[in-house]
Amino acid sequence: MDNGTSAPVRPASDDVPTRPFDGASPYDAYVRASVLNNLQHPLTDAPDEMGFVVTTQVMELWLTLIVHEWRTAGTAFAKDDLDSATDALTRSRRALTALQATWAPLAALTPAQFNGFRAAFGTASGFQSAMYRHLEFLLGDKSEAMLRLHQGDPVVHEALSETHRQPSLYDEVLGYLHRQGLPVPEHVRERDVSEPYVSDPGVVEVWRRIYAGPQHDPLLTLGEQLTDLAELIVRWRFDHIMVVRRAMGTKTGSAGSSGLAWLEQRSAKPVFPELWEVRGAL
């Protein structure tokens, strides 16, 4: 019977498990947060250096995920498994969106703030990132010169060499389109995949057929997925340019490159070029 009183409400904290963990928490054992959180070692007292280190490390993690998803997609295309391939591309698009957002902590660095720690990292430079090189190789931007830069580290060099000599993500897409009955030129399908991919008019025609056909064709959806990825890569590169332009202007890059001019030259390289060219042919 209700006597007009109610049971006391337990504080939310009472629901928290109180038994100590046997060793590391299950969370830490799975995520390795204690490892990640001990990888930041600023070399100066500059207040902006910690943000620079963390941001760069986070970028490396997103690059690792994107490379993983593109390899997954490439394997699926090779097996003619469009559903699994497009699922992986969708996941990579989300990761690319997150990667682009990581520029935010560095976007407004002034020259004085950047100079407060720039000398500390010596000749280190973002273009030395092995994971970013994997990403570019998977886009078809193969480069023997960039591969040679890593020959001093045998493990890294061998991993990059494997990505360099394997078909790119786009190569796998074109192979899949050919097996679906589209006329991808033989010289494109049998090209040396360790060479940089260059636009081909025959491939433009393949995409023209797809884009001129039914607008709900899964292959057209695939084309738009790839276009989304290409656009996000270009936007990420442009944001990189803007960060550098604000923080250091036209100074020489830390690794001896021309800095801003070098970044602008690299960013001008097209990603999946025929998917852009085809739009003018429709």
Protein backbone atom coordinates (compact mmCIF):
# COMPACT_ATOMS: atom_id res chain seq x y z
CA MET A 1 0.00 0.00 0.00
CA ASP A 2 1.19 3.50 -0.81
CA ASN A 3 1.83 5.30 2.46
CA GLY A 4 2.61 8.59 0.78
CA THR A 5 6.33 8.10 0.75
CA SER A 6 8.53 7.08 -2.12
CA ALA A 7 11.69 5.04 -2.21
CA PRO A 8 14.84 7.14 -2.11
CA VAL A 9 16.43 7.75 -5.48
CA ARG A 10 19.90 6.31 -5.60
CA PRO A 11 22.59 8.71 -6.82
CA ALA A 12 23.77 7.84 -10.28
CA SER A 13 27.23 7.23 -8.85
CA ASP A 14 25.87 4.17 -6.99
CA ASP A 15 25.56 2.44 -10.38
CA VAL A 16 29.27 2.71 -11.08
CA PRO A 17 31.12 -0.61 -10.66
CA THR A 18 33.39 -0.44 -7.62
CA ARG A 19 35.47 -3.57 -8.05
CA PRO A 20 39.00 -2.55 -9.02
CA PHE A 21 40.33 -3.73 -12.35
CA ASP A 22 42.77 -6.60 -12.37
CA GLY A 23 45.58 -4.72 -14.08
CA ALA A 24 44.77 -2.32 -16.90
CA SER A 25 41.11 -1.52 -17.52
CA PRO A 26 39.45 -3.52 -20.30
CA TYR A 27 39.07 -0.21 -22.14
CA ASP A 28 42.79 0.47 -22.02
CA ALA A 29 43.64 -3.13 -22.92
CA TYR A 30 41.55 -2.80 -26.09
CA VAL A 31 42.14 0.83 -27.16
CA ARG A 32 45.71 1.14 -25.79
CA ALA A 33 44.86 4.64 -24.60
CA SER A 34 47.73 4.67 -22.10
CA VAL A 35 50.11 4.05 -25.01
CA LEU A 36 48.54 6.75 -27.17
CA ASN A 37 48.48 9.26 -24.33
CA ASN A 38 52.19 8.85 -23.69
CA LEU A 39 53.32 9.49 -27.25
CA GLN A 40 53.29 13.29 -26.98
CA HIS A 41 56.72 14.74 -26.19
CA PRO A 42 56.92 18.46 -27.01
CA LEU A 43 60.49 19.67 -27.28
CA THR A 44 59.88 23.29 -26.24
CA ASP A 45 57.80 25.26 -23.78
CA ALA A 46 55.84 26.88 -26.61
CA PRO A 47 52.13 26.62 -25.71
CA ASP A 48 51.15 25.71 -29.28
CA GLU A 49 53.54 22.81 -29.75
CA MET A 50 51.39 20.26 -27.90
CA GLY A 51 48.48 21.01 -30.23
CA PHE A 52 50.78 20.62 -33.23
CA VAL A 53 52.05 17.23 -32.04
CA VAL A 54 48.59 15.88 -31.15
CA THR A 55 47.04 17.13 -34.39
CA THR A 56 49.77 15.52 -36.46
CA GLN A 57 49.45 12.21 -34.62
CA VAL A 58 45.67 12.23 -35.05
CA MET A 59 46.16 12.81 -38.77
CA GLU A 60 48.40 9.75 -38.91
CA LEU A 61 45.68 7.65 -37.28
CA TRP A 62 43.05 8.84 -39.76
CA LEU A 63 45.44 8.15 -42.64
CA THR A 64 45.94 4.62 -41.30
CA LEU A 65 42.19 4.04 -41.31
CA ILE A 66 41.71 5.48 -44.81
CA VAL A 67 44.50 3.33 -46.22
CA HIS A 68 42.95 0.29 -44.52
CA GLU A 69 39.53 1.02 -46.03
CA TRP A 70 40.93 1.59 -49.52
CA ARG A 71 42.80 -1.68 -49.38
CA THR A 72 39.60 -3.37 -48.25
CA ALA A 73 37.74 -1.76 -51.14
CA GLY A 74 40.43 -2.75 -53.64
CA THR A 75 40.29 -6.37 -52.52
CA ALA A 76 36.50 -6.34 -52.84
CA PHE A 77 36.62 -4.86 -56.35
CA ALA A 78 39.08 -7.59 -57.36
CA LYS A 79 36.46 -10.12 -56.21
CA ASP A 80 33.64 -8.26 -58.03
CA ASP A 81 32.01 -7.60 -54.66
CA LEU A 82 30.58 -4.14 -55.29
CA ASP A 83 28.57 -4.00 -52.06
CA SER A 84 31.59 -4.62 -49.82
CA ALA A 85 33.71 -2.24 -51.88
CA THR A 86 31.22 0.61 -51.68
CA ASP A 87 30.72 0.02 -47.96
CA ALA A 88 34.48 0.47 -47.47
CA LEU A 89 34.47 3.60 -49.64
CA THR A 90 31.64 5.04 -47.55
CA ARG A 91 33.61 4.43 -44.36
CA SER A 92 36.68 6.02 -45.91
CA ARG A 93 34.66 9.09 -46.90
CA ARG A 94 33.65 9.59 -43.26
CA ALA A 95 37.27 9.19 -42.21
CA LEU A 96 38.40 11.72 -44.84
CA THR A 97 35.84 14.20 -43.55
CA ALA A 98 37.27 13.75 -40.06
CA LEU A 99 40.81 14.04 -41.42
CA GLN A 100 40.01 17.38 -43.03
CA ALA A 101 38.58 18.67 -39.74
CA THR A 102 41.89 17.98 -37.97
CA TRP A 103 43.38 21.10 -39.51
CA ALA A 104 41.19 23.22 -37.20
CA PRO A 105 43.60 23.34 -34.21
CA LEU A 106 46.38 24.62 -36.49
CA ALA A 107 44.35 26.76 -38.86
CA ALA A 108 45.03 30.10 -37.15
CA LEU A 109 48.66 29.71 -36.04
CA THR A 110 50.45 33.02 -36.40
CA PRO A 111 54.07 33.14 -37.60
CA ALA A 112 55.23 33.96 -34.06
CA GLN A 113 53.33 31.02 -32.59
CA PHE A 114 54.68 28.61 -35.20
CA ASN A 115 58.21 29.93 -34.88
CA GLY A 116 57.98 29.25 -31.16
CA PHE A 117 58.57 25.55 -31.82
CA ARG A 118 59.41 25.17 -35.51
CA ALA A 119 63.16 24.86 -34.99
CA ALA A 120 62.58 22.00 -32.53
CA PHE A 121 61.46 19.50 -35.19
CA GLY A 122 64.46 20.21 -37.39
CA THR A 123 64.14 18.67 -40.84
CA ALA A 124 60.94 16.74 -40.07
CA SER A 125 58.16 17.41 -42.56
CA GLY A 126 54.70 16.09 -43.30
CA PHE A 127 55.72 14.91 -46.77
CA GLN A 128 57.93 12.33 -45.04
CA SER A 129 54.83 10.54 -43.69
CA ALA A 130 54.95 6.94 -44.88
CA MET A 131 51.22 6.49 -44.35
CA TYR A 132 50.44 9.51 -46.50
CA ARG A 133 52.69 7.98 -49.16
CA HIS A 134 50.64 4.77 -48.99
CA LEU A 135 47.55 6.91 -49.52
CA GLU A 136 49.00 8.64 -52.57
CA PHE A 137 50.17 5.35 -54.07
CA LEU A 138 46.67 3.93 -53.58
CA LEU A 139 45.32 6.95 -55.48
CA GLY A 140 47.60 6.03 -58.39
CA ASP A 141 50.18 8.74 -57.71
CA LYS A 142 53.14 6.37 -57.82
CA SER A 143 56.64 7.84 -57.44
CA GLU A 144 60.00 6.08 -57.42
CA ALA A 145 61.61 9.22 -56.02
CA MET A 146 59.24 9.35 -53.06
CA LEU A 147 59.74 5.63 -52.48
CA ARG A 148 63.53 6.03 -52.37
CA LEU A 149 63.24 8.61 -49.59
CA HIS A 150 62.31 5.78 -47.20
CA GLN A 151 65.04 3.30 -48.13
CA GLY A 152 66.89 4.03 -44.87
CA ASP A 153 64.11 2.24 -42.95
CA PRO A 154 63.90 -1.31 -44.39
CA VAL A 155 60.53 -2.19 -42.81
CA VAL A 156 58.82 1.01 -43.95
CA HIS A 157 60.47 0.84 -47.36
CA GLU A 158 59.36 -2.74 -48.00
CA ALA A 159 55.76 -1.97 -46.98
CA LEU A 160 55.73 1.06 -49.29
CA SER A 161 57.36 -0.94 -52.08
CA GLU A 162 54.52 -3.44 -51.90
CA THR A 163 51.91 -0.70 -52.22
CA HIS A 164 53.95 0.86 -55.03
CA ARG A 165 54.02 -2.30 -57.13
CA GLN A 166 50.41 -3.32 -56.52
CA PRO A 167 47.37 -1.98 -58.44
CA SER A 168 45.98 1.24 -57.04
CA LEU A 169 42.40 1.55 -55.83
CA TYR A 170 41.51 3.14 -59.18
CA ASP A 171 43.21 0.33 -61.10
CA GLU A 172 40.98 -2.13 -59.24
CA VAL A 173 37.91 -0.04 -60.06
CA LEU A 174 38.77 -0.02 -63.77
CA GLY A 175 39.34 -3.78 -63.72
CA TYR A 176 35.93 -4.23 -62.14
CA LEU A 177 34.27 -2.00 -64.76
CA HIS A 178 35.90 -4.03 -67.53
CA ARG A 179 34.55 -7.27 -66.06
CA GLN A 180 31.09 -5.68 -66.03
CA GLY A 181 31.31 -5.39 -69.80
CA LEU A 182 32.54 -1.81 -70.17
CA PRO A 183 35.28 -1.12 -72.74
CA VAL A 184 38.20 -0.14 -70.51
CA PRO A 185 41.12 -0.02 -72.98
CA GLU A 186 43.53 -2.95 -72.88
CA HIS A 187 46.57 -0.67 -72.64
CA VAL A 188 45.09 0.81 -69.46
CA ARG A 189 44.29 -2.59 -67.94
CA GLU A 190 47.72 -4.00 -68.75
CA ARG A 191 49.80 -0.94 -67.95
CA ASP A 192 52.70 -1.00 -65.48
CA VAL A 193 50.84 -0.20 -62.27
CA SER A 194 54.04 0.99 -60.58
CA GLU A 195 53.95 4.01 -62.91
CA PRO A 196 51.84 7.09 -62.12
CA TYR A 197 48.31 6.87 -63.47
CA VAL A 198 47.54 9.34 -66.26
CA SER A 199 44.19 10.22 -67.75
CA ASP A 200 43.07 8.20 -70.75
CA PRO A 201 40.35 9.22 -73.25
CA GLY A 202 39.11 5.64 -73.42
CA VAL A 203 38.42 5.71 -69.69
CA VAL A 204 36.67 9.06 -70.05
CA GLU A 205 34.39 7.34 -72.58
CA VAL A 206 33.66 4.52 -70.12
CA TRP A 207 32.54 7.01 -67.50
CA ARG A 208 30.58 8.96 -70.14
CA ARG A 209 28.55 5.84 -70.92
CA ILE A 210 27.85 5.33 -67.22
CA TYR A 211 26.90 8.93 -66.54
CA ALA A 212 24.76 9.21 -69.66
CA GLY A 213 22.82 6.10 -68.69
CA PRO A 214 20.24 5.46 -65.95
CA GLN A 215 20.77 7.90 -63.10
CA HIS A 216 20.26 5.23 -60.44
CA ASP A 217 22.78 2.82 -61.94
CA PRO A 218 25.02 1.43 -59.13
CA LEU A 219 28.03 2.20 -61.33
CA LEU A 220 27.04 5.87 -61.47
CA THR A 221 26.73 5.80 -57.69
CA LEU A 222 30.23 4.35 -57.58
CA GLY A 223 31.48 7.17 -59.79
CA GLU A 224 29.98 9.72 -57.42
CA GLN A 225 31.52 7.98 -54.41
CA LEU A 226 34.94 8.20 -56.01
CA THR A 227 34.30 11.84 -56.90
CA ASP A 228 33.44 12.55 -53.26
CA LEU A 229 36.76 11.01 -52.18
CA ALA A 230 38.68 12.97 -54.81
CA GLU A 231 37.05 16.22 -53.70
CA LEU A 232 37.81 15.58 -50.04
CA ILE A 233 41.47 14.86 -50.85
CA VAL A 234 41.71 18.11 -52.82
CA ARG A 235 40.05 20.07 -50.00
CA TRP A 236 42.40 18.52 -47.43
CA ARG A 237 45.39 19.54 -49.53
CA PHE A 238 44.01 23.05 -49.95
CA ASP A 239 43.48 23.43 -46.20
CA HIS A 240 47.09 22.31 -45.71
CA ILE A 241 48.20 25.06 -48.06
CA MET A 242 46.18 27.65 -46.14
CA VAL A 243 47.63 26.55 -42.79
CA VAL A 244 51.16 26.85 -44.17
CA ARG A 245 50.41 30.17 -45.85
CA ARG A 246 49.18 31.67 -42.56
CA ALA A 247 51.91 30.22 -40.37
CA MET A 248 55.04 30.63 -42.50
CA GLY A 249 54.20 32.26 -45.81
CA THR A 250 56.68 31.48 -48.56
CA LYS A 251 59.56 30.35 -46.35
CA THR A 252 61.51 27.26 -47.35
CA GLY A 253 60.01 24.03 -46.00
CA SER A 254 61.60 22.37 -42.97
CA ALA A 255 62.89 19.45 -45.07
CA GLY A 256 64.39 21.75 -47.70
CA SER A 257 61.48 21.88 -50.16
CA SER A 258 60.20 25.15 -51.54
CA GLY A 259 57.45 25.00 -48.94
CA LEU A 260 54.25 26.63 -50.10
CA ALA A 261 55.14 26.37 -53.80
CA TRP A 262 55.87 22.66 -53.44
CA LEU A 263 52.54 22.06 -51.71
CA GLU A 264 50.70 23.99 -54.41
CA GLN A 265 52.40 21.92 -57.11
CA ARG A 266 51.50 18.65 -55.37
CA SER A 267 47.91 19.71 -54.73
CA ALA A 268 47.40 20.45 -58.43
CA LYS A 269 47.72 16.75 -59.25
CA PRO A 270 44.28 15.40 -60.21
CA VAL A 271 42.62 12.57 -58.31
CA PHE A 272 40.65 10.14 -60.52
CA PRO A 273 41.03 12.59 -63.44
CA GLU A 274 38.53 11.07 -65.88
CA LEU A 275 35.71 11.50 -63.36
CA TRP A 276 36.22 15.25 -63.64
CA GLU A 277 36.84 15.35 -67.37
CA VAL A 278 33.70 13.38 -68.17
CA ARG A 279 31.48 16.16 -66.84
CA GLY A 280 32.40 18.36 -69.75
CA ALA A 281 31.56 15.57 -72.20
CA LEU A 282 27.94 15.13 -71.10
